[in-house]
Amino acid sequence: MSVAGSDTAVSSGAFRLPAAPLRALVTGYDGYRLAGFEPGIHLGLPSPCLTVVVTIDGPLDIAAQAAPGQAPGRYDTLASGIATSPVTIRHDGHQHGVQLALSPLGARALLGVPTAALGAWVVGLEDLLGSDAGELTERLSLEPCWDGRFAILDEILTRRAQPAEIDPHLVRAWHLLVAGGRVRVADVAHEVGWSRRHLMNRFVAEYGVTPKDVVRLSRFDRSHRMLKGAHGATLADVAAVCGYYDQAHMARDWRDLAGVAPSRWREIDPFSFVQDPEHDDGAR
């Protein structure tokens, strides 16, 4: 269906940065709420971050997974690594929860595993956090406002965080690759003092994706966030700002990474127009 035609539907949310001690581990908290839509699907799009979701009003029903061979599933909580394809989420017109974007260092410090250990697979968060996953679900469901929910996340994640480190060469390479523009993998390898082959092998072993994948995912993620937040922006504007050669280049990347062109995503996905996520009144 066209989301624009849903006059009584609500697509809202709230965004916050985590507490300062967590910001190297978690890049943001996204609260979301869909209500009043016709049953349908939406796409969980790839990004250069790991994804953690804690639901509030019922499980997340993943109809098609990003990892080849993984069966569909329903999750009250989940964690997944970095994928280069979307997941398809079935909904009954209502969804409510919090999504966290974790850095690779956050995977080690909070989940206890390197990013590559998860790959594109989705797992229940209880497999990684044990009883803390249940505590998150219960306390977030009982808390009525976003600010309170984000404070609960800060509390539990701060309690869980363990010392962790990643090889500084890999950290430097990661930051160069996600910085934007049209960075060349060979130049990054030279910058960190490794051969391109050695960088590739070490990078995949830690992150589960190639350096080229991360460049594409970072550019795609910037375009996704811009399309979601700047409703007056044209596709040509977005392509130029996000480092694509042209609009056609962006459309090809979207078809490869999201399965749909950006114009089509804007038409069909209820999460393409979350209302004022940074100015929500918190009472949902």
C-alpha atoms as a PDB file:
ATOM      1  CA  MET A   1       0.000   0.000   0.000  1.00  0.00           C
ATOM      2  CA  SER A   2       1.005   3.627  -0.232  1.00  0.00           C
ATOM      3  CA  VAL A   3       1.850   4.961   3.206  1.00  0.00           C
ATOM      4  CA  ALA A   4       0.922   8.437   2.112  1.00  0.00           C
ATOM      5  CA  GLY A   5      -2.712   7.349   1.856  1.00  0.00           C
ATOM      6  CA  SER A   6      -2.993   6.292   5.500  1.00  0.00           C
ATOM      7  CA  ASP A   7      -4.720   9.403   6.901  1.00  0.00           C
ATOM      8  CA  THR A   8      -5.362   7.990  10.380  1.00  0.00           C
ATOM      9  CA  ALA A   9      -2.095   6.081  10.735  1.00  0.00           C
ATOM     10  CA  VAL A  10       0.639   7.174  13.121  1.00  0.00           C
ATOM     11  CA  SER A  11       4.337   6.671  12.461  1.00  0.00           C
ATOM     12  CA  SER A  12       6.317   8.335  15.226  1.00  0.00           C
ATOM     13  CA  GLY A  13       9.374   7.913  17.367  1.00  0.00           C
ATOM     14  CA  ALA A  14      12.232   9.476  19.259  1.00  0.00           C
ATOM     15  CA  PHE A  15      16.010   9.479  18.913  1.00  0.00           C
ATOM     16  CA  ARG A  16      18.623   9.962  21.623  1.00  0.00           C
ATOM     17  CA  LEU A  17      22.339   9.544  21.970  1.00  0.00           C
ATOM     18  CA  PRO A  18      23.330   7.183  24.790  1.00  0.00           C
ATOM     19  CA  ALA A  19      25.039   8.321  27.966  1.00  0.00           C
ATOM     20  CA  ALA A  20      28.538   9.659  27.312  1.00  0.00           C
ATOM     21  CA  PRO A  21      30.427   6.550  28.555  1.00  0.00           C
ATOM     22  CA  LEU A  22      28.525   4.425  25.997  1.00  0.00           C
ATOM     23  CA  ARG A  23      28.968   6.569  22.891  1.00  0.00           C
ATOM     24  CA  ALA A  24      31.928   4.638  21.518  1.00  0.00           C
ATOM     25  CA  LEU A  25      29.787   1.498  21.786  1.00  0.00           C
ATOM     26  CA  VAL A  26      26.285   2.629  20.776  1.00  0.00           C
ATOM     27  CA  THR A  27      25.732   5.289  18.116  1.00  0.00           C
ATOM     28  CA  GLY A  28      22.083   5.903  18.980  1.00  0.00           C
ATOM     29  CA  TYR A  29      18.732   4.789  20.377  1.00  0.00           C
ATOM     30  CA  ASP A  30      15.752   4.907  17.990  1.00  0.00           C
ATOM     31  CA  GLY A  31      12.331   4.520  19.540  1.00  0.00           C
ATOM     32  CA  TYR A  32       9.576   3.737  17.048  1.00  0.00           C
ATOM     33  CA  ARG A  33       5.816   3.367  17.060  1.00  0.00           C
ATOM     34  CA  LEU A  34       3.501   2.441  14.187  1.00  0.00           C
ATOM     35  CA  ALA A  35      -0.247   2.390  14.757  1.00  0.00           C
ATOM     36  CA  GLY A  36      -3.315   2.281  12.563  1.00  0.00           C
ATOM     37  CA  PHE A  37      -1.722   0.993   9.364  1.00  0.00           C
ATOM     38  CA  GLU A  38      -3.095  -1.770   7.228  1.00  0.00           C
ATOM     39  CA  PRO A  39      -1.213  -5.047   7.762  1.00  0.00           C
ATOM     40  CA  GLY A  40       1.792  -5.294   5.513  1.00  0.00           C
ATOM     41  CA  ILE A  41       5.564  -5.398   5.455  1.00  0.00           C
ATOM     42  CA  HIS A  42       8.440  -3.029   5.875  1.00  0.00           C
ATOM     43  CA  LEU A  43      12.131  -3.429   5.204  1.00  0.00           C
ATOM     44  CA  GLY A  44      14.864  -3.529   7.810  1.00  0.00           C
ATOM     45  CA  LEU A  45      17.597  -1.873   5.774  1.00  0.00           C
ATOM     46  CA  PRO A  46      21.337  -2.584   5.938  1.00  0.00           C
ATOM     47  CA  SER A  47      23.744  -0.210   7.655  1.00  0.00           C
ATOM     48  CA  PRO A  48      27.376  -0.201   8.818  1.00  0.00           C
ATOM     49  CA  CYS A  49      26.186  -0.748  12.406  1.00  0.00           C
ATOM     50  CA  LEU A  50      25.067  -3.833  14.272  1.00  0.00           C
ATOM     51  CA  THR A  51      21.370  -3.871  15.102  1.00  0.00           C
ATOM     52  CA  VAL A  52      19.727  -4.616  18.445  1.00  0.00           C
ATOM     53  CA  VAL A  53      15.940  -4.444  18.820  1.00  0.00           C
ATOM     54  CA  VAL A  54      13.853  -4.660  21.987  1.00  0.00           C
ATOM     55  CA  THR A  55      10.110  -4.793  21.255  1.00  0.00           C
ATOM     56  CA  ILE A  56       7.426  -3.274  23.476  1.00  0.00           C
ATOM     57  CA  ASP A  57       4.005  -4.403  22.211  1.00  0.00           C
ATOM     58  CA  GLY A  58       4.608  -7.807  20.668  1.00  0.00           C
ATOM     59  CA  PRO A  59       7.315  -9.675  18.787  1.00  0.00           C
ATOM     60  CA  LEU A  60       9.016  -8.682  15.570  1.00  0.00           C
ATOM     61  CA  ASP A  61       7.954 -11.052  12.789  1.00  0.00           C
ATOM     62  CA  ILE A  62      10.786 -11.458  10.277  1.00  0.00           C
ATOM     63  CA  ALA A  63       9.367 -13.021   7.130  1.00  0.00           C
ATOM     64  CA  ALA A  64      12.632 -13.052   5.153  1.00  0.00           C
ATOM     65  CA  GLN A  65      16.109 -12.938   6.667  1.00  0.00           C
ATOM     66  CA  ALA A  66      19.243 -11.288   5.312  1.00  0.00           C
ATOM     67  CA  ALA A  67      21.410 -14.367   5.947  1.00  0.00           C
ATOM     68  CA  PRO A  68      21.055 -17.013   3.243  1.00  0.00           C
ATOM     69  CA  GLY A  69      19.505 -20.136   4.702  1.00  0.00           C
ATOM     70  CA  GLN A  70      18.180 -18.591   7.916  1.00  0.00           C
ATOM     71  CA  ALA A  71      14.520 -19.397   8.495  1.00  0.00           C
ATOM     72  CA  PRO A  72      11.913 -16.731   9.268  1.00  0.00           C
ATOM     73  CA  GLY A  73      11.337 -16.074  12.959  1.00  0.00           C
ATOM     74  CA  ARG A  74       9.557 -14.046  15.631  1.00  0.00           C
ATOM     75  CA  TYR A  75      11.644 -12.168  18.190  1.00  0.00           C
ATOM     76  CA  ASP A  76      10.886 -10.212  21.358  1.00  0.00           C
ATOM     77  CA  THR A  77      14.521  -9.095  21.276  1.00  0.00           C
ATOM     78  CA  LEU A  78      17.186  -9.583  18.648  1.00  0.00           C
ATOM     79  CA  ALA A  79      20.723  -8.792  17.638  1.00  0.00           C
ATOM     80  CA  SER A  80      22.308  -9.024  14.218  1.00  0.00           C
ATOM     81  CA  GLY A  81      25.649  -8.200  12.667  1.00  0.00           C
ATOM     82  CA  ILE A  82      26.334  -6.267   9.478  1.00  0.00           C
ATOM     83  CA  ALA A  83      24.431  -7.443   6.397  1.00  0.00           C
ATOM     84  CA  THR A  84      24.408  -6.336   2.767  1.00  0.00           C
ATOM     85  CA  SER A  85      20.747  -7.116   2.174  1.00  0.00           C
ATOM     86  CA  PRO A  86      17.518  -6.223   3.990  1.00  0.00           C
ATOM     87  CA  VAL A  87      15.252  -8.224   6.232  1.00  0.00           C
ATOM     88  CA  THR A  88      11.531  -8.241   5.463  1.00  0.00           C
ATOM     89  CA  ILE A  89       9.374  -7.603   8.521  1.00  0.00           C
ATOM     90  CA  ARG A  90       5.710  -8.543   8.558  1.00  0.00           C
ATOM     91  CA  HIS A  91       3.425  -6.328  10.687  1.00  0.00           C
ATOM     92  CA  ASP A  92      -0.265  -6.192  11.597  1.00  0.00           C
ATOM     93  CA  GLY A  93      -0.428  -2.421  11.333  1.00  0.00           C
ATOM     94  CA  HIS A  94       1.180  -1.839  14.728  1.00  0.00           C
ATOM     95  CA  GLN A  95       4.809  -1.956  15.862  1.00  0.00           C
ATOM     96  CA  HIS A  96       6.457  -0.532  18.953  1.00  0.00           C
ATOM     97  CA  GLY A  97       9.990  -0.863  20.252  1.00  0.00           C
ATOM     98  CA  VAL A  98      13.521   0.489  20.448  1.00  0.00           C
ATOM     99  CA  GLN A  99      16.307  -0.129  17.956  1.00  0.00           C
ATOM    100  CA  LEU A 100      19.944   0.343  18.940  1.00  0.00           C
ATOM    101  CA  ALA A 101      22.837   0.866  16.555  1.00  0.00           C
ATOM    102  CA  LEU A 102      26.021  -0.696  17.930  1.00  0.00           C
ATOM    103  CA  SER A 103      29.556  -0.051  16.766  1.00  0.00           C
ATOM    104  CA  PRO A 104      31.914  -2.996  16.230  1.00  0.00           C
ATOM    105  CA  LEU A 105      33.573  -2.114  19.532  1.00  0.00           C
ATOM    106  CA  GLY A 106      30.117  -2.240  21.102  1.00  0.00           C
ATOM    107  CA  ALA A 107      29.689  -5.797  19.842  1.00  0.00           C
ATOM    108  CA  ARG A 108      32.732  -6.866  21.828  1.00  0.00           C
ATOM    109  CA  ALA A 109      32.059  -4.746  24.923  1.00  0.00           C
ATOM    110  CA  LEU A 110      28.286  -5.298  25.244  1.00  0.00           C
ATOM    111  CA  LEU A 111      27.523  -8.550  23.409  1.00  0.00           C
ATOM    112  CA  GLY A 112      30.820 -10.289  24.126  1.00  0.00           C
ATOM    113  CA  VAL A 113      31.523 -11.252  20.501  1.00  0.00           C
ATOM    114  CA  PRO A 114      33.241  -9.722  17.460  1.00  0.00           C
ATOM    115  CA  THR A 115      30.939  -8.412  14.749  1.00  0.00           C
ATOM    116  CA  ALA A 116      31.973 -11.229  12.402  1.00  0.00           C
ATOM    117  CA  ALA A 117      30.624 -13.836  14.832  1.00  0.00           C
ATOM    118  CA  LEU A 118      27.095 -12.654  14.063  1.00  0.00           C
ATOM    119  CA  GLY A 119      27.522 -11.928  10.376  1.00  0.00           C
ATOM    120  CA  ALA A 120      24.133 -11.296   8.740  1.00  0.00           C
ATOM    121  CA  TRP A 121      22.362 -13.692  11.132  1.00  0.00           C
ATOM    122  CA  VAL A 122      19.639 -12.618  13.542  1.00  0.00           C
ATOM    123  CA  VAL A 123      19.713 -14.143  17.026  1.00  0.00           C
ATOM    124  CA  GLY A 124      17.600 -13.664  20.118  1.00  0.00           C
ATOM    125  CA  LEU A 125      19.249 -11.168  22.426  1.00  0.00           C
ATOM    126  CA  GLU A 126      18.919 -13.609  25.325  1.00  0.00           C
ATOM    127  CA  ASP A 127      21.522 -15.792  23.605  1.00  0.00           C
ATOM    128  CA  LEU A 128      24.044 -12.997  24.141  1.00  0.00           C
ATOM    129  CA  LEU A 129      22.827 -11.098  27.201  1.00  0.00           C
ATOM    130  CA  GLY A 130      21.168 -13.837  29.217  1.00  0.00           C
ATOM    131  CA  SER A 131      18.803 -12.493  31.886  1.00  0.00           C
ATOM    132  CA  ASP A 132      19.587  -8.887  30.967  1.00  0.00           C
ATOM    133  CA  ALA A 133      17.543  -9.363  27.787  1.00  0.00           C
ATOM    134  CA  GLY A 134      14.458 -10.246  29.805  1.00  0.00           C
ATOM    135  CA  GLU A 135      15.036  -7.302  32.122  1.00  0.00           C
ATOM    136  CA  LEU A 136      15.238  -4.966  29.141  1.00  0.00           C
ATOM    137  CA  THR A 137      11.984  -6.277  27.685  1.00  0.00           C
ATOM    138  CA  GLU A 138      10.073  -6.070  30.957  1.00  0.00           C
ATOM    139  CA  ARG A 139      11.290  -2.672  32.082  1.00  0.00           C
ATOM    140  CA  LEU A 140      10.951  -0.971  28.678  1.00  0.00           C
ATOM    141  CA  SER A 141       7.403  -2.313  28.329  1.00  0.00           C
ATOM    142  CA  LEU A 142       6.394  -0.921  31.730  1.00  0.00           C
ATOM    143  CA  GLU A 143       7.977   2.510  31.218  1.00  0.00           C
ATOM    144  CA  PRO A 144       5.508   4.901  29.487  1.00  0.00           C
ATOM    145  CA  CYS A 145       7.860   7.520  27.972  1.00  0.00           C
ATOM    146  CA  TRP A 146      10.844   7.501  25.667  1.00  0.00           C
ATOM    147  CA  ASP A 147      13.135   9.422  27.992  1.00  0.00           C
ATOM    148  CA  GLY A 148      12.520   6.847  30.709  1.00  0.00           C
ATOM    149  CA  ARG A 149      13.144   3.972  28.318  1.00  0.00           C
ATOM    150  CA  PHE A 150      16.405   5.499  27.130  1.00  0.00           C
ATOM    151  CA  ALA A 151      17.483   5.959  30.768  1.00  0.00           C
ATOM    152  CA  ILE A 152      16.839   2.240  31.357  1.00  0.00           C
ATOM    153  CA  LEU A 153      19.001   1.376  28.349  1.00  0.00           C
ATOM    154  CA  ASP A 154      21.779   3.602  29.674  1.00  0.00           C
ATOM    155  CA  GLU A 155      21.605   1.902  33.068  1.00  0.00           C
ATOM    156  CA  ILE A 156      21.652  -1.692  31.855  1.00  0.00           C
ATOM    157  CA  LEU A 157      24.210  -1.199  29.087  1.00  0.00           C
ATOM    158  CA  THR A 158      26.565   0.727  31.372  1.00  0.00           C
ATOM    159  CA  ARG A 159      26.328  -2.128  33.844  1.00  0.00           C
ATOM    160  CA  ARG A 160      27.106  -4.669  31.116  1.00  0.00           C
ATOM    161  CA  ALA A 161      29.944  -2.876  29.352  1.00  0.00           C
ATOM    162  CA  GLN A 162      33.250  -4.718  29.584  1.00  0.00           C
ATOM    163  CA  PRO A 163      36.712  -3.538  28.540  1.00  0.00           C
ATOM    164  CA  ALA A 164      37.286  -4.369  24.882  1.00  0.00           C
ATOM    165  CA  GLU A 165      39.629  -3.434  22.087  1.00  0.00           C
ATOM    166  CA  ILE A 166      40.105  -3.940  18.355  1.00  0.00           C
ATOM    167  CA  ASP A 167      43.456  -3.808  16.557  1.00  0.00           C
ATOM    168  CA  PRO A 168      44.205  -0.068  16.062  1.00  0.00           C
ATOM    169  CA  HIS A 169      45.019  -0.676  12.378  1.00  0.00           C
ATOM    170  CA  LEU A 170      41.512  -2.054  11.860  1.00  0.00           C
ATOM    171  CA  VAL A 171      39.958   0.792  13.826  1.00  0.00           C
ATOM    172  CA  ARG A 172      41.790   3.336  11.666  1.00  0.00           C
ATOM    173  CA  ALA A 173      40.769   1.541   8.479  1.00  0.00           C
ATOM    174  CA  TRP A 174      37.136   1.408   9.623  1.00  0.00           C
ATOM    175  CA  HIS A 175      36.998   5.150  10.346  1.00  0.00           C
ATOM    176  CA  LEU A 176      38.564   6.013   7.001  1.00  0.00           C
ATOM    177  CA  LEU A 177      36.122   3.802   5.111  1.00  0.00           C
ATOM    178  CA  VAL A 178      32.977   5.123   6.803  1.00  0.00           C
ATOM    179  CA  ALA A 179      34.029   8.770   6.643  1.00  0.00           C
ATOM    180  CA  GLY A 180      32.273   9.393   3.334  1.00  0.00           C
ATOM    181  CA  GLY A 181      33.234  10.358  -0.161  1.00  0.00           C
ATOM    182  CA  ARG A 182      34.677   7.932  -2.675  1.00  0.00           C
ATOM    183  CA  VAL A 183      37.517   6.479  -0.647  1.00  0.00           C
ATOM    184  CA  ARG A 184      39.637   3.787  -2.306  1.00  0.00           C
ATOM    185  CA  VAL A 185      40.396   0.595  -0.403  1.00  0.00           C
ATOM    186  CA  ALA A 186      43.966   0.586  -1.745  1.00  0.00           C
ATOM    187  CA  ASP A 187      44.537   4.052  -0.290  1.00  0.00           C
ATOM    188  CA  VAL A 188      43.216   2.928   3.100  1.00  0.00           C
ATOM    189  CA  ALA A 189      45.502  -0.099   3.081  1.00  0.00           C
ATOM    190  CA  HIS A 190      48.454   2.167   2.334  1.00  0.00           C
ATOM    191  CA  GLU A 191      47.401   4.570   5.111  1.00  0.00           C
ATOM    192  CA  VAL A 192      47.398   1.823   7.765  1.00  0.00           C
ATOM    193  CA  GLY A 193      50.612   0.226   6.456  1.00  0.00           C
ATOM    194  CA  TRP A 194      49.148  -3.080   5.263  1.00  0.00           C
ATOM    195  CA  SER A 195      48.824  -4.743   1.897  1.00  0.00           C
ATOM    196  CA  ARG A 196      45.360  -4.698   0.397  1.00  0.00           C
ATOM    197  CA  ARG A 197      45.099  -8.476   0.787  1.00  0.00           C
ATOM    198  CA  HIS A 198      46.121  -8.381   4.444  1.00  0.00           C
ATOM    199  CA  LEU A 199      43.637  -5.582   5.128  1.00  0.00           C
ATOM    200  CA  MET A 200      40.885  -7.596   3.441  1.00  0.00           C
ATOM    201  CA  ASN A 201      41.609 -10.750   5.443  1.00  0.00           C
ATOM    202  CA  ARG A 202      41.883  -9.016   8.811  1.00  0.00           C
ATOM    203  CA  PHE A 203      38.882  -6.794   8.109  1.00  0.00           C
ATOM    204  CA  VAL A 204      36.556  -9.675   7.231  1.00  0.00           C
ATOM    205  CA  ALA A 205      37.747 -11.662  10.250  1.00  0.00           C
ATOM    206  CA  GLU A 206      36.771  -8.826  12.628  1.00  0.00           C
ATOM    207  CA  TYR A 207      33.808  -7.212  10.904  1.00  0.00           C
ATOM    208  CA  GLY A 208      32.318  -9.960   8.744  1.00  0.00           C
ATOM    209  CA  VAL A 209      32.183  -7.756   5.630  1.00  0.00           C
ATOM    210  CA  THR A 210      34.760  -6.457   3.179  1.00  0.00           C
ATOM    211  CA  PRO A 211      36.178  -2.917   3.132  1.00  0.00           C
ATOM    212  CA  LYS A 212      34.298  -2.260  -0.119  1.00  0.00           C
ATOM    213  CA  ASP A 213      31.062  -3.426   1.516  1.00  0.00           C
ATOM    214  CA  VAL A 214      31.556  -0.891   4.315  1.00  0.00           C
ATOM    215  CA  VAL A 215      32.080   1.982   1.867  1.00  0.00           C
ATOM    216  CA  ARG A 216      28.843   1.082   0.061  1.00  0.00           C
ATOM    217  CA  LEU A 217      26.886   0.538   3.289  1.00  0.00           C
ATOM    218  CA  SER A 218      28.025   3.861   4.750  1.00  0.00           C
ATOM    219  CA  ARG A 219      27.017   5.783   1.637  1.00  0.00           C
ATOM    220  CA  PHE A 220      23.708   3.905   1.478  1.00  0.00           C
ATOM    221  CA  ASP A 221      23.015   4.555   5.166  1.00  0.00           C
ATOM    222  CA  ARG A 222      23.590   8.286   4.748  1.00  0.00           C
ATOM    223  CA  SER A 223      21.142   8.352   1.842  1.00  0.00           C
ATOM    224  CA  HIS A 224      18.599   6.323   3.831  1.00  0.00           C
ATOM    225  CA  ARG A 225      18.762   8.702   6.795  1.00  0.00           C
ATOM    226  CA  MET A 226      18.569  11.759   4.548  1.00  0.00           C
ATOM    227  CA  LEU A 227      15.564  10.409   2.633  1.00  0.00           C
ATOM    228  CA  LYS A 228      13.865   9.596   5.923  1.00  0.00           C
ATOM    229  CA  GLY A 229      14.489  12.958   7.510  1.00  0.00           C
ATOM    230  CA  ALA A 230      14.501  15.526   4.702  1.00  0.00           C
ATOM    231  CA  HIS A 231      11.149  15.140   3.003  1.00  0.00           C
ATOM    232  CA  GLY A 232      11.699  18.066   0.645  1.00  0.00           C
ATOM    233  CA  ALA A 233      14.999  16.717  -0.674  1.00  0.00           C
ATOM    234  CA  THR A 234      15.006  15.418  -4.229  1.00  0.00           C
ATOM    235  CA  LEU A 235      16.697  12.138  -5.088  1.00  0.00           C
ATOM    236  CA  ALA A 236      19.287  14.064  -7.088  1.00  0.00           C
ATOM    237  CA  ASP A 237      20.050  16.229  -4.023  1.00  0.00           C
ATOM    238  CA  VAL A 238      20.479  13.167  -1.828  1.00  0.00           C
ATOM    239  CA  ALA A 239      22.725  11.426  -4.357  1.00  0.00           C
ATOM    240  CA  ALA A 240      25.009  14.461  -4.580  1.00  0.00           C
ATOM    241  CA  VAL A 241      25.285  14.991  -0.815  1.00  0.00           C
ATOM    242  CA  CYS A 242      25.902  11.311  -0.052  1.00  0.00           C
ATOM    243  CA  GLY A 243      28.797  10.812  -2.457  1.00  0.00           C
ATOM    244  CA  TYR A 244      27.157   9.023  -5.375  1.00  0.00           C
ATOM    245  CA  TYR A 245      28.272   9.819  -8.904  1.00  0.00           C
ATOM    246  CA  ASP A 246      24.675  10.564  -9.862  1.00  0.00           C
ATOM    247  CA  GLN A 247      21.075   9.579  -9.104  1.00  0.00           C
ATOM    248  CA  ALA A 248      21.328   6.449 -11.263  1.00  0.00           C
ATOM    249  CA  HIS A 249      24.323   5.286  -9.209  1.00  0.00           C
ATOM    250  CA  MET A 250      22.300   5.714  -6.009  1.00  0.00           C
ATOM    251  CA  ALA A 251      19.338   3.837  -7.489  1.00  0.00           C
ATOM    252  CA  ARG A 252      21.590   0.888  -8.424  1.00  0.00           C
ATOM    253  CA  ASP A 253      23.017   0.737  -4.912  1.00  0.00           C
ATOM    254  CA  TRP A 254      19.523   0.836  -3.423  1.00  0.00           C
ATOM    255  CA  ARG A 255      18.359  -2.027  -5.613  1.00  0.00           C
ATOM    256  CA  ASP A 256      21.429  -4.051  -4.632  1.00  0.00           C
ATOM    257  CA  LEU A 257      21.281  -3.318  -0.890  1.00  0.00           C
ATOM    258  CA  ALA A 258      17.576  -2.716  -0.238  1.00  0.00           C
ATOM    259  CA  GLY A 259      15.918  -4.622  -3.072  1.00  0.00           C
ATOM    260  CA  VAL A 260      13.952  -1.540  -4.159  1.00  0.00           C
ATOM    261  CA  ALA A 261      14.667   1.861  -5.655  1.00  0.00           C
ATOM    262  CA  PRO A 262      14.630   4.763  -3.166  1.00  0.00           C
ATOM    263  CA  SER A 263      11.552   6.301  -4.795  1.00  0.00           C
ATOM    264  CA  ARG A 264       9.659   3.039  -4.372  1.00  0.00           C
ATOM    265  CA  TRP A 265      10.784   2.700  -0.747  1.00  0.00           C
ATOM    266  CA  ARG A 266       9.370   6.150  -0.010  1.00  0.00           C
ATOM    267  CA  GLU A 267       6.018   5.010  -1.410  1.00  0.00           C
ATOM    268  CA  ILE A 268       5.590   1.657   0.318  1.00  0.00           C
ATOM    269  CA  ASP A 269       7.398   1.667   3.660  1.00  0.00           C
ATOM    270  CA  PRO A 270       5.703   3.165   6.739  1.00  0.00           C
ATOM    271  CA  PHE A 271       9.094   3.832   8.319  1.00  0.00           C
ATOM    272  CA  SER A 272       9.994   6.131   5.435  1.00  0.00           C
ATOM    273  CA  PHE A 273       8.193   9.033   7.102  1.00  0.00           C
ATOM    274  CA  VAL A 274       8.575   8.737  10.858  1.00  0.00           C
ATOM    275  CA  GLN A 275       7.179  11.995  12.203  1.00  0.00           C
ATOM    276  CA  ASP A 276       9.616  14.363  13.935  1.00  0.00           C
ATOM    277  CA  PRO A 277      11.731  11.604  15.534  1.00  0.00           C
ATOM    278  CA  GLU A 278      13.970  14.086  17.351  1.00  0.00           C
ATOM    279  CA  HIS A 279      11.071  16.130  18.726  1.00  0.00           C
ATOM    280  CA  ASP A 280       8.664  13.497  19.966  1.00  0.00           C
ATOM    281  CA  ASP A 281       6.794  14.429  23.135  1.00  0.00           C
ATOM    282  CA  GLY A 282       7.956  11.233  24.854  1.00  0.00           C
ATOM    283  CA  ALA A 283       4.531  10.093  25.986  1.00  0.00           C
ATOM    284  CA  ARG A 284       4.223   6.913  23.926  1.00  0.00           C
END
